[in-house]
């Protein structure tokens, strides 16, 4: 159930009010480097996904295709860094696991 309070959409789950950030955090792909002290906004969460895509595209860290698709979908869903994430995704299509440093 969605309610609107002071211009911010919130979702009621039991007795707990979830903000858009809380909902986005629950949808963040597993294994993503989230830091509760540094990441406070949905834009920060999208930046994490962009960073993971970029690390794969530069062959620094391998990420499976399914995970890369989740990162891209997350950025597109919330609208932050969508173009940059798509470019990093396309750039990483030719990168194989053996090309990456962490292999």
PDB file of N, CA and C in Angstrom:
ATOM      1  N   UNK A   1       0.838  -1.159   0.000  1.00  0.00           N
ATOM      2  CA  UNK A   1       0.000   0.000   0.000  1.00  0.00           C
ATOM      3  C   UNK A   1       0.898   1.241   0.000  1.00  0.00           C
ATOM      4  N   UNK A   2       0.635   2.152  -0.901  1.00  0.00           N
ATOM      5  CA  UNK A   2       1.410   3.392  -0.972  1.00  0.00           C
ATOM      6  C   UNK A   2       0.623   4.532  -0.350  1.00  0.00           C
ATOM      7  N   UNK A   3       1.291   5.372   0.390  1.00  0.00           N
ATOM      8  CA  UNK A   3       0.685   6.607   0.885  1.00  0.00           C
ATOM      9  C   UNK A   3       1.637   7.741   0.568  1.00  0.00           C
ATOM     10  N   UNK A   4       1.117   8.925   0.500  1.00  0.00           N
ATOM     11  CA  UNK A   4       1.950  10.090   0.218  1.00  0.00           C
ATOM     12  C   UNK A   4       1.940  11.000   1.433  1.00  0.00           C
ATOM     13  N   UNK A   5       3.105  11.320   1.929  1.00  0.00           N
ATOM     14  CA  UNK A   5       3.223  12.202   3.065  1.00  0.00           C
ATOM     15  C   UNK A   5       4.300  13.225   2.763  1.00  0.00           C
ATOM     16  N   UNK A   6       3.931  14.485   2.811  1.00  0.00           N
ATOM     17  CA  UNK A   6       4.858  15.592   2.579  1.00  0.00           C
ATOM     18  C   UNK A   6       5.616  15.438   1.267  1.00  0.00           C
ATOM     19  N   UNK A   7       4.938  14.960   0.231  1.00  0.00           N
ATOM     20  CA  UNK A   7       5.540  14.886  -1.090  1.00  0.00           C
ATOM     21  C   UNK A   7       6.414  13.670  -1.332  1.00  0.00           C
ATOM     22  N   UNK A   8       6.672  12.856  -0.325  1.00  0.00           N
ATOM     23  CA  UNK A   8       7.538  11.688  -0.501  1.00  0.00           C
ATOM     24  C   UNK A   8       6.685  10.430  -0.444  1.00  0.00           C
ATOM     25  N   UNK A   9       6.828   9.595  -1.441  1.00  0.00           N
ATOM     26  CA  UNK A   9       6.086   8.336  -1.449  1.00  0.00           C
ATOM     27  C   UNK A   9       6.694   7.396  -0.419  1.00  0.00           C
ATOM     28  N   UNK A  10       5.852   6.785   0.347  1.00  0.00           N
ATOM     29  CA  UNK A  10       6.304   5.831   1.359  1.00  0.00           C
ATOM     30  C   UNK A  10       5.444   4.584   1.246  1.00  0.00           C
ATOM     31  N   UNK A  11       5.995   3.470   1.601  1.00  0.00           N
ATOM     32  CA  UNK A  11       5.283   2.205   1.529  1.00  0.00           C
ATOM     33  C   UNK A  11       5.131   1.666   2.942  1.00  0.00           C
ATOM     34  N   UNK A  12       3.934   1.209   3.272  1.00  0.00           N
ATOM     35  CA  UNK A  12       3.689   0.667   4.604  1.00  0.00           C
ATOM     36  C   UNK A  12       3.867  -0.840   4.546  1.00  0.00           C
ATOM     37  N   UNK A  13       4.708  -1.356   5.420  1.00  0.00           N
ATOM     38  CA  UNK A  13       4.925  -2.783   5.539  1.00  0.00           C
ATOM     39  C   UNK A  13       4.746  -3.124   7.014  1.00  0.00           C
ATOM     40  N   UNK A  14       3.604  -3.690   7.338  1.00  0.00           N
ATOM     41  CA  UNK A  14       3.299  -3.907   8.738  1.00  0.00           C
ATOM     42  C   UNK A  14       3.154  -2.551   9.412  1.00  0.00           C
ATOM     43  N   UNK A  15       3.951  -2.301  10.429  1.00  0.00           N
ATOM     44  CA  UNK A  15       3.939  -1.010  11.106  1.00  0.00           C
ATOM     45  C   UNK A  15       5.095  -0.129  10.670  1.00  0.00           C
ATOM     46  N   UNK A  16       5.930  -0.630   9.768  1.00  0.00           N
ATOM     47  CA  UNK A  16       7.132   0.106   9.379  1.00  0.00           C
ATOM     48  C   UNK A  16       6.899   0.889   8.088  1.00  0.00           C
ATOM     49  N   UNK A  17       7.307   2.136   8.075  1.00  0.00           N
ATOM     50  CA  UNK A  17       7.219   2.974   6.879  1.00  0.00           C
ATOM     51  C   UNK A  17       8.527   2.847   6.104  1.00  0.00           C
ATOM     52  N   UNK A  18       8.448   2.457   4.846  1.00  0.00           N
ATOM     53  CA  UNK A  18       9.634   2.325   4.014  1.00  0.00           C
ATOM     54  C   UNK A  18       9.726   3.508   3.064  1.00  0.00           C
ATOM     55  N   UNK A  19      10.886   4.122   3.008  1.00  0.00           N
ATOM     56  CA  UNK A  19      11.114   5.206   2.068  1.00  0.00           C
ATOM     57  C   UNK A  19      11.505   4.619   0.718  1.00  0.00           C
ATOM     58  N   UNK A  20      11.609   5.463  -0.287  1.00  0.00           N
ATOM     59  CA  UNK A  20      12.026   5.010  -1.608  1.00  0.00           C
ATOM     60  C   UNK A  20      13.428   4.404  -1.534  1.00  0.00           C
ATOM     61  N   UNK A  21      14.288   4.954  -0.686  1.00  0.00           N
ATOM     62  CA  UNK A  21      15.628   4.409  -0.507  1.00  0.00           C
ATOM     63  C   UNK A  21      15.567   2.987   0.053  1.00  0.00           C
ATOM     64  N   UNK A  22      14.706   2.760   1.061  1.00  0.00           N
ATOM     65  CA  UNK A  22      14.575   1.427   1.661  1.00  0.00           C
ATOM     66  C   UNK A  22      14.105   0.402   0.633  1.00  0.00           C
ATOM     67  N   UNK A  23      13.142   0.805  -0.198  1.00  0.00           N
ATOM     68  CA  UNK A  23      12.631  -0.090  -1.231  1.00  0.00           C
ATOM     69  C   UNK A  23      13.730  -0.392  -2.246  1.00  0.00           C
ATOM     70  N   UNK A  24      14.481   0.639  -2.653  1.00  0.00           N
ATOM     71  CA  UNK A  24      15.569   0.446  -3.616  1.00  0.00           C
ATOM     72  C   UNK A  24      16.674  -0.418  -3.021  1.00  0.00           C
ATOM     73  N   UNK A  25      16.967  -0.234  -1.752  1.00  0.00           N
ATOM     74  CA  UNK A  25      18.013  -1.016  -1.097  1.00  0.00           C
ATOM     75  C   UNK A  25      17.653  -2.500  -1.084  1.00  0.00           C
ATOM     76  N   UNK A  26      16.360  -2.805  -0.899  1.00  0.00           N
ATOM     77  CA  UNK A  26      15.926  -4.198  -0.929  1.00  0.00           C
ATOM     78  C   UNK A  26      16.057  -4.801  -2.326  1.00  0.00           C
ATOM     79  N   UNK A  27      15.995  -3.965  -3.362  1.00  0.00           N
ATOM     80  CA  UNK A  27      16.101  -4.452  -4.745  1.00  0.00           C
ATOM     81  C   UNK A  27      17.531  -4.418  -5.277  1.00  0.00           C
ATOM     82  N   UNK A  28      18.460  -3.918  -4.489  1.00  0.00           N
ATOM     83  CA  UNK A  28      19.856  -3.866  -4.914  1.00  0.00           C
ATOM     84  C   UNK A  28      20.373  -5.288  -5.122  1.00  0.00           C
ATOM     85  N   UNK A  29      21.026  -5.563  -6.257  1.00  0.00           N
ATOM     86  CA  UNK A  29      21.516  -6.921  -6.514  1.00  0.00           C
ATOM     87  C   UNK A  29      22.439  -7.421  -5.399  1.00  0.00           C
ATOM     88  N   UNK A  30      22.339  -8.696  -5.108  1.00  0.00           N
ATOM     89  CA  UNK A  30      23.134  -9.319  -4.056  1.00  0.00           C
ATOM     90  C   UNK A  30      24.621  -9.230  -4.380  1.00  0.00           C
ATOM     91  N   UNK A  31      25.427  -9.056  -3.356  1.00  0.00           N
ATOM     92  CA  UNK A  31      26.870  -9.000  -3.542  1.00  0.00           C
ATOM     93  C   UNK A  31      27.387  -7.635  -3.926  1.00  0.00           C
ATOM     94  N   UNK A  32      26.521  -6.647  -3.961  1.00  0.00           N
ATOM     95  CA  UNK A  32      26.927  -5.291  -4.315  1.00  0.00           C
ATOM     96  C   UNK A  32      27.546  -4.626  -3.097  1.00  0.00           C
ATOM     97  N   UNK A  33      28.610  -3.871  -3.301  1.00  0.00           N
ATOM     98  CA  UNK A  33      29.341  -3.260  -2.194  1.00  0.00           C
ATOM     99  C   UNK A  33      28.633  -2.077  -1.569  1.00  0.00           C
ATOM    100  N   UNK A  34      27.645  -2.339  -0.726  1.00  0.00           N
ATOM    101  CA  UNK A  34      26.893  -1.281  -0.057  1.00  0.00           C
ATOM    102  C   UNK A  34      27.547  -0.936   1.271  1.00  0.00           C
ATOM    103  N   UNK A  35      27.698   0.366   1.528  1.00  0.00           N
ATOM    104  CA  UNK A  35      28.249   0.860   2.790  1.00  0.00           C
ATOM    105  C   UNK A  35      27.235   1.829   3.385  1.00  0.00           C
ATOM    106  N   UNK A  36      26.664   1.482   4.519  1.00  0.00           N
ATOM    107  CA  UNK A  36      25.585   2.290   5.096  1.00  0.00           C
ATOM    108  C   UNK A  36      26.043   3.675   5.534  1.00  0.00           C
ATOM    109  N   UNK A  37      27.340   3.869   5.737  1.00  0.00           N
ATOM    110  CA  UNK A  37      27.828   5.186   6.129  1.00  0.00           C
ATOM    111  C   UNK A  37      28.035   6.093   4.919  1.00  0.00           C
ATOM    112  N   UNK A  38      28.398   5.520   3.784  1.00  0.00           N
ATOM    113  CA  UNK A  38      28.710   6.322   2.596  1.00  0.00           C
ATOM    114  C   UNK A  38      27.543   6.464   1.634  1.00  0.00           C
ATOM    115  N   UNK A  39      26.659   5.498   1.592  1.00  0.00           N
ATOM    116  CA  UNK A  39      25.575   5.499   0.605  1.00  0.00           C
ATOM    117  C   UNK A  39      24.247   5.794   1.289  1.00  0.00           C
ATOM    118  N   UNK A  40      23.704   6.968   0.996  1.00  0.00           N
ATOM    119  CA  UNK A  40      22.487   7.418   1.685  1.00  0.00           C
ATOM    120  C   UNK A  40      21.309   7.686   0.757  1.00  0.00           C
ATOM    121  N   UNK A  41      21.533   7.700  -0.555  1.00  0.00           N
ATOM    122  CA  UNK A  41      20.458   8.033  -1.492  1.00  0.00           C
ATOM    123  C   UNK A  41      20.321   6.948  -2.550  1.00  0.00           C
ATOM    124  N   UNK A  42      19.211   6.988  -3.280  1.00  0.00           N
ATOM    125  CA  UNK A  42      19.003   6.059  -4.389  1.00  0.00           C
ATOM    126  C   UNK A  42      20.058   6.307  -5.468  1.00  0.00           C
ATOM    127  N   UNK A  43      20.436   7.560  -5.661  1.00  0.00           N
ATOM    128  CA  UNK A  43      21.490   7.877  -6.628  1.00  0.00           C
ATOM    129  C   UNK A  43      22.800   7.184  -6.248  1.00  0.00           C
ATOM    130  N   UNK A  44      23.114   7.134  -4.955  1.00  0.00           N
ATOM    131  CA  UNK A  44      24.317   6.426  -4.494  1.00  0.00           C
ATOM    132  C   UNK A  44      24.251   4.942  -4.845  1.00  0.00           C
ATOM    133  N   UNK A  45      23.074   4.338  -4.687  1.00  0.00           N
ATOM    134  CA  UNK A  45      22.913   2.922  -5.010  1.00  0.00           C
ATOM    135  C   UNK A  45      23.103   2.679  -6.508  1.00  0.00           C
ATOM    136  N   UNK A  46      22.595   3.588  -7.322  1.00  0.00           N
ATOM    137  CA  UNK A  46      22.792   3.479  -8.773  1.00  0.00           C
ATOM    138  C   UNK A  46      24.269   3.652  -9.122  1.00  0.00           C
ATOM    139  N   UNK A  47      24.954   4.528  -8.400  1.00  0.00           N
ATOM    140  CA  UNK A  47      26.384   4.723  -8.655  1.00  0.00           C
ATOM    141  C   UNK A  47      27.161   3.439  -8.360  1.00  0.00           C
ATOM    142  N   UNK A  48      26.771   2.717  -7.321  1.00  0.00           N
ATOM    143  CA  UNK A  48      27.428   1.445  -7.002  1.00  0.00           C
ATOM    144  C   UNK A  48      27.287   0.492  -8.190  1.00  0.00           C
ATOM    145  N   UNK A  49      26.076   0.384  -8.738  1.00  0.00           N
ATOM    146  CA  UNK A  49      25.841  -0.504  -9.880  1.00  0.00           C
ATOM    147  C   UNK A  49      26.653  -0.061 -11.084  1.00  0.00           C
ATOM    148  N   UNK A  50      26.710   1.240 -11.330  1.00  0.00           N
ATOM    149  CA  UNK A  50      27.520   1.758 -12.435  1.00  0.00           C
ATOM    150  C   UNK A  50      28.991   1.415 -12.220  1.00  0.00           C
ATOM    151  N   UNK A  51      29.471   1.569 -11.008  1.00  0.00           N
ATOM    152  CA  UNK A  51      30.863   1.276 -10.693  1.00  0.00           C
ATOM    153  C   UNK A  51      31.181  -0.200 -10.938  1.00  0.00           C
ATOM    154  N   UNK A  52      30.279  -1.084 -10.545  1.00  0.00           N
ATOM    155  CA  UNK A  52      30.478  -2.518 -10.769  1.00  0.00           C
ATOM    156  C   UNK A  52      30.517  -2.832 -12.263  1.00  0.00           C
ATOM    157  N   UNK A  53      29.632  -2.213 -13.040  1.00  0.00           N
ATOM    158  CA  UNK A  53      29.645  -2.413 -14.492  1.00  0.00           C
ATOM    159  C   UNK A  53      30.936  -1.892 -15.107  1.00  0.00           C
ATOM    160  N   UNK A  54      31.385  -0.742 -14.630  1.00  0.00           N
ATOM    161  CA  UNK A  54      32.606  -0.141 -15.150  1.00  0.00           C
ATOM    162  C   UNK A  54      33.830  -0.987 -14.820  1.00  0.00           C
ATOM    163  N   UNK A  55      33.873  -1.540 -13.623  1.00  0.00           N
ATOM    164  CA  UNK A  55      35.010  -2.398 -13.248  1.00  0.00           C
ATOM    165  C   UNK A  55      35.078  -3.636 -14.133  1.00  0.00           C
ATOM    166  N   UNK A  56      33.915  -4.174 -14.485  1.00  0.00           N
ATOM    167  CA  UNK A  56      33.911  -5.329 -15.392  1.00  0.00           C
ATOM    168  C   UNK A  56      34.352  -4.912 -16.794  1.00  0.00           C
ATOM    169  N   UNK A  57      33.843  -3.777 -17.273  1.00  0.00           N
ATOM    170  CA  UNK A  57      34.184  -3.321 -18.625  1.00  0.00           C
ATOM    171  C   UNK A  57      35.681  -3.051 -18.757  1.00  0.00           C
ATOM    172  N   UNK A  58      36.322  -2.623 -17.674  1.00  0.00           N
ATOM    173  CA  UNK A  58      37.765  -2.361 -17.704  1.00  0.00           C
ATOM    174  C   UNK A  58      38.583  -3.592 -17.331  1.00  0.00           C
ATOM    175  N   UNK A  59      37.925  -4.743 -17.222  1.00  0.00           N
ATOM    176  CA  UNK A  59      38.560  -6.027 -16.918  1.00  0.00           C
ATOM    177  C   UNK A  59      39.293  -6.022 -15.579  1.00  0.00           C
ATOM    178  N   UNK A  60      38.777  -5.260 -14.620  1.00  0.00           N
ATOM    179  CA  UNK A  60      39.357  -5.252 -13.280  1.00  0.00           C
ATOM    180  C   UNK A  60      38.707  -6.306 -12.395  1.00  0.00           C
ATOM    181  N   UNK A  61      37.430  -6.558 -12.623  1.00  0.00           N
ATOM    182  CA  UNK A  61      36.687  -7.476 -11.781  1.00  0.00           C
ATOM    183  C   UNK A  61      35.645  -8.171 -12.647  1.00  0.00           C
ATOM    184  N   UNK A  62      35.544  -9.488 -12.547  1.00  0.00           N
ATOM    185  CA  UNK A  62      34.578 -10.216 -13.359  1.00  0.00           C
ATOM    186  C   UNK A  62      33.217 -10.225 -12.682  1.00  0.00           C
ATOM    187  N   UNK A  63      32.175 -10.002 -13.467  1.00  0.00           N
ATOM    188  CA  UNK A  63      30.799 -10.116 -12.988  1.00  0.00           C
ATOM    189  C   UNK A  63      30.030 -10.948 -14.012  1.00  0.00           C
ATOM    190  N   UNK A  64      29.299 -11.961 -13.576  1.00  0.00           N
ATOM    191  CA  UNK A  64      28.525 -12.778 -14.516  1.00  0.00           C
ATOM    192  C   UNK A  64      27.491 -11.942 -15.268  1.00  0.00           C
ATOM    193  N   UNK A  65      27.097 -12.394 -16.443  1.00  0.00           N
ATOM    194  CA  UNK A  65      26.156 -11.649 -17.281  1.00  0.00           C
ATOM    195  C   UNK A  65      24.843 -11.372 -16.557  1.00  0.00           C
ATOM    196  N   UNK A  66      24.321 -12.344 -15.823  1.00  0.00           N
ATOM    197  CA  UNK A  66      23.055 -12.143 -15.116  1.00  0.00           C
ATOM    198  C   UNK A  66      23.165 -11.002 -14.099  1.00  0.00           C
ATOM    199  N   UNK A  67      24.280 -10.928 -13.415  1.00  0.00           N
ATOM    200  CA  UNK A  67      24.488  -9.862 -12.436  1.00  0.00           C
ATOM    201  C   UNK A  67      24.641  -8.511 -13.125  1.00  0.00           C
ATOM    202  N   UNK A  68      25.344  -8.496 -14.246  1.00  0.00           N
ATOM    203  CA  UNK A  68      25.493  -7.236 -14.995  1.00  0.00           C
ATOM    204  C   UNK A  68      24.149  -6.743 -15.506  1.00  0.00           C
ATOM    205  N   UNK A  69      23.296  -7.659 -15.921  1.00  0.00           N
ATOM    206  CA  UNK A  69      21.948  -7.257 -16.364  1.00  0.00           C
ATOM    207  C   UNK A  69      21.143  -6.682 -15.199  1.00  0.00           C
ATOM    208  N   UNK A  70      21.314  -7.236 -14.012  1.00  0.00           N
ATOM    209  CA  UNK A  70      20.622  -6.709 -12.830  1.00  0.00           C
ATOM    210  C   UNK A  70      21.115  -5.302 -12.500  1.00  0.00           C
ATOM    211  N   UNK A  71      22.432  -5.085 -12.600  1.00  0.00           N
ATOM    212  CA  UNK A  71      22.979  -3.741 -12.357  1.00  0.00           C
ATOM    213  C   UNK A  71      22.389  -2.737 -13.333  1.00  0.00           C
ATOM    214  N   UNK A  72      22.361  -3.119 -14.609  1.00  0.00           N
ATOM    215  CA  UNK A  72      21.826  -2.225 -15.638  1.00  0.00           C
ATOM    216  C   UNK A  72      20.347  -1.950 -15.400  1.00  0.00           C
ATOM    217  N   UNK A  73      19.572  -2.982 -15.102  1.00  0.00           N
ATOM    218  CA  UNK A  73      18.143  -2.816 -14.852  1.00  0.00           C
ATOM    219  C   UNK A  73      17.890  -1.929 -13.643  1.00  0.00           C
ATOM    220  N   UNK A  74      18.730  -2.045 -12.612  1.00  0.00           N
ATOM    221  CA  UNK A  74      18.579  -1.220 -11.419  1.00  0.00           C
ATOM    222  C   UNK A  74      18.762   0.259 -11.773  1.00  0.00           C
ATOM    223  N   UNK A  75      19.794   0.557 -12.533  1.00  0.00           N
ATOM    224  CA  UNK A  75      20.044   1.950 -12.929  1.00  0.00           C
ATOM    225  C   UNK A  75      18.906   2.484 -13.789  1.00  0.00           C
ATOM    226  N   UNK A  76      18.410   1.669 -14.699  1.00  0.00           N
ATOM    227  CA  UNK A  76      17.310   2.104 -15.566  1.00  0.00           C
ATOM    228  C   UNK A  76      16.024   2.283 -14.773  1.00  0.00           C
ATOM    229  N   UNK A  77      15.790   1.421 -13.801  1.00  0.00           N
ATOM    230  CA  UNK A  77      14.570   1.505 -13.002  1.00  0.00           C
ATOM    231  C   UNK A  77      14.504   2.816 -12.231  1.00  0.00           C
ATOM    232  N   UNK A  78      15.629   3.217 -11.640  1.00  0.00           N
ATOM    233  CA  UNK A  78      15.615   4.416 -10.802  1.00  0.00           C
ATOM    234  C   UNK A  78      16.088   5.666 -11.532  1.00  0.00           C
ATOM    235  N   UNK A  79      16.585   5.531 -12.748  1.00  0.00           N
ATOM    236  CA  UNK A  79      16.846   6.679 -13.605  1.00  0.00           C
ATOM    237  C   UNK A  79      18.156   7.410 -13.389  1.00  0.00           C
ATOM    238  N   UNK A  80      19.008   6.948 -12.507  1.00  0.00           N
ATOM    239  CA  UNK A  80      20.290   7.602 -12.302  1.00  0.00           C
ATOM    240  C   UNK A  80      21.366   6.829 -13.059  1.00  0.00           C
ATOM    241  N   UNK A  81      22.197   7.535 -13.793  1.00  0.00           N
ATOM    242  CA  UNK A  81      23.329   6.955 -14.524  1.00  0.00           C
ATOM    243  C   UNK A  81      22.905   5.874 -15.524  1.00  0.00           C
ATOM    244  N   UNK A  82      21.695   5.956 -16.050  1.00  0.00           N
ATOM    245  CA  UNK A  82      21.197   4.917 -16.965  1.00  0.00           C
ATOM    246  C   UNK A  82      22.008   4.883 -18.259  1.00  0.00           C
ATOM    247  N   UNK A  83      22.295   6.034 -18.832  1.00  0.00           N
ATOM    248  CA  UNK A  83      23.059   6.077 -20.079  1.00  0.00           C
ATOM    249  C   UNK A  83      24.473   5.568 -19.863  1.00  0.00           C
ATOM    250  N   UNK A  84      25.119   6.012 -18.792  1.00  0.00           N
ATOM    251  CA  UNK A  84      26.485   5.583 -18.500  1.00  0.00           C
ATOM    252  C   UNK A  84      26.536   4.080 -18.205  1.00  0.00           C
ATOM    253  N   UNK A  85      25.519   3.573 -17.506  1.00  0.00           N
ATOM    254  CA  UNK A  85      25.469   2.145 -17.195  1.00  0.00           C
ATOM    255  C   UNK A  85      25.295   1.328 -18.467  1.00  0.00           C
ATOM    256  N   UNK A  86      24.474   1.809 -19.391  1.00  0.00           N
ATOM    257  CA  UNK A  86      24.288   1.109 -20.654  1.00  0.00           C
ATOM    258  C   UNK A  86      25.585   1.076 -21.462  1.00  0.00           C
ATOM    259  N   UNK A  87      26.309   2.188 -21.466  1.00  0.00           N
ATOM    260  CA  UNK A  87      27.594   2.231 -22.172  1.00  0.00           C
ATOM    261  C   UNK A  87      28.598   1.264 -21.542  1.00  0.00           C
ATOM    262  N   UNK A  88      28.651   1.208 -20.218  1.00  0.00           N
ATOM    263  CA  UNK A  88      29.566   0.291 -19.537  1.00  0.00           C
ATOM    264  C   UNK A  88      29.153  -1.159 -19.781  1.00  0.00           C
ATOM    265  N   UNK A  89      27.852  -1.411 -19.801  1.00  0.00           N
ATOM    266  CA  UNK A  89      27.358  -2.760 -20.073  1.00  0.00           C
ATOM    267  C   UNK A  89      27.769  -3.203 -21.477  1.00  0.00           C
ATOM    268  N   UNK A  90      27.543  -2.324 -22.454  1.00  0.00           N
ATOM    269  CA  UNK A  90      27.912  -2.648 -23.839  1.00  0.00           C
ATOM    270  C   UNK A  90      29.422  -2.834 -23.970  1.00  0.00           C
ATOM    271  N   UNK A  91      30.188  -2.021 -23.268  1.00  0.00           N
ATOM    272  CA  UNK A  91      31.646  -2.131 -23.310  1.00  0.00           C
ATOM    273  C   UNK A  91      32.171  -3.408 -22.683  1.00  0.00           C
ATOM    274  N   UNK A  92      31.413  -3.983 -21.772  1.00  0.00           N
ATOM    275  CA  UNK A  92      31.852  -5.195 -21.096  1.00  0.00           C
ATOM    276  C   UNK A  92      31.375  -6.483 -21.738  1.00  0.00           C
ATOM    277  N   UNK A  93      30.643  -6.388 -22.842  1.00  0.00           N
ATOM    278  CA  UNK A  93      30.124  -7.600 -23.473  1.00  0.00           C
ATOM    279  C   UNK A  93      31.220  -8.518 -23.998  1.00  0.00           C
ATOM    280  N   UNK A  94      32.333  -7.959 -24.416  1.00  0.00           N
ATOM    281  CA  UNK A  94      33.405  -8.778 -24.987  1.00  0.00           C
ATOM    282  C   UNK A  94      34.420  -9.241 -23.943  1.00  0.00           C
ATOM    283  N   UNK A  95      34.285  -8.778 -22.709  1.00  0.00           N
ATOM    284  CA  UNK A  95      35.238  -9.143 -21.652  1.00  0.00           C
ATOM    285  C   UNK A  95      34.919 -10.545 -21.142  1.00  0.00           C
ATOM    286  N   UNK A  96      35.932 -11.395 -21.123  1.00  0.00           N
ATOM    287  CA  UNK A  96      35.781 -12.757 -20.616  1.00  0.00           C
ATOM    288  C   UNK A  96      36.396 -12.856 -19.221  1.00  0.00           C
ATOM    289  N   UNK A  97      36.077 -13.925 -18.529  1.00  0.00           N
ATOM    290  CA  UNK A  97      36.584 -14.115 -17.173  1.00  0.00           C
ATOM    291  C   UNK A  97      38.111 -14.181 -17.164  1.00  0.00           C
ATOM    292  N   UNK A  98      38.683 -14.783 -18.173  1.00  0.00           N
ATOM    293  CA  UNK A  98      40.149 -14.906 -18.232  1.00  0.00           C
ATOM    294  C   UNK A  98      40.848 -13.568 -18.498  1.00  0.00           C
ATOM    295  N   UNK A  99      40.103 -12.568 -18.964  1.00  0.00           N
ATOM    296  CA  UNK A  99      40.673 -11.240 -19.208  1.00  0.00           C
ATOM    297  C   UNK A  99      40.799 -10.427 -17.933  1.00  0.00           C
ATOM    298  N   UNK A 100      40.062 -10.781 -16.894  1.00  0.00           N
ATOM    299  CA  UNK A 100      39.971  -9.963 -15.689  1.00  0.00           C
ATOM    300  C   UNK A 100      41.117 -10.230 -14.724  1.00  0.00           C
ATOM    301  N   UNK A 101      41.466  -9.189 -13.971  1.00  0.00           N
ATOM    302  CA  UNK A 101      42.559  -9.283 -13.005  1.00  0.00           C
ATOM    303  C   UNK A 101      42.262 -10.239 -11.868  1.00  0.00           C
ATOM    304  N   UNK A 102      41.017 -10.278 -11.414  1.00  0.00           N
ATOM    305  CA  UNK A 102      40.706 -11.079 -10.233  1.00  0.00           C
ATOM    306  C   UNK A 102      40.497 -12.552 -10.534  1.00  0.00           C
ATOM    307  N   UNK A 103      40.740 -12.961 -11.764  1.00  0.00           N
ATOM    308  CA  UNK A 103      40.535 -14.362 -12.142  1.00  0.00           C
ATOM    309  C   UNK A 103      41.574 -15.254 -11.528  1.00  0.00           C
TER     310      UNK A 103
END
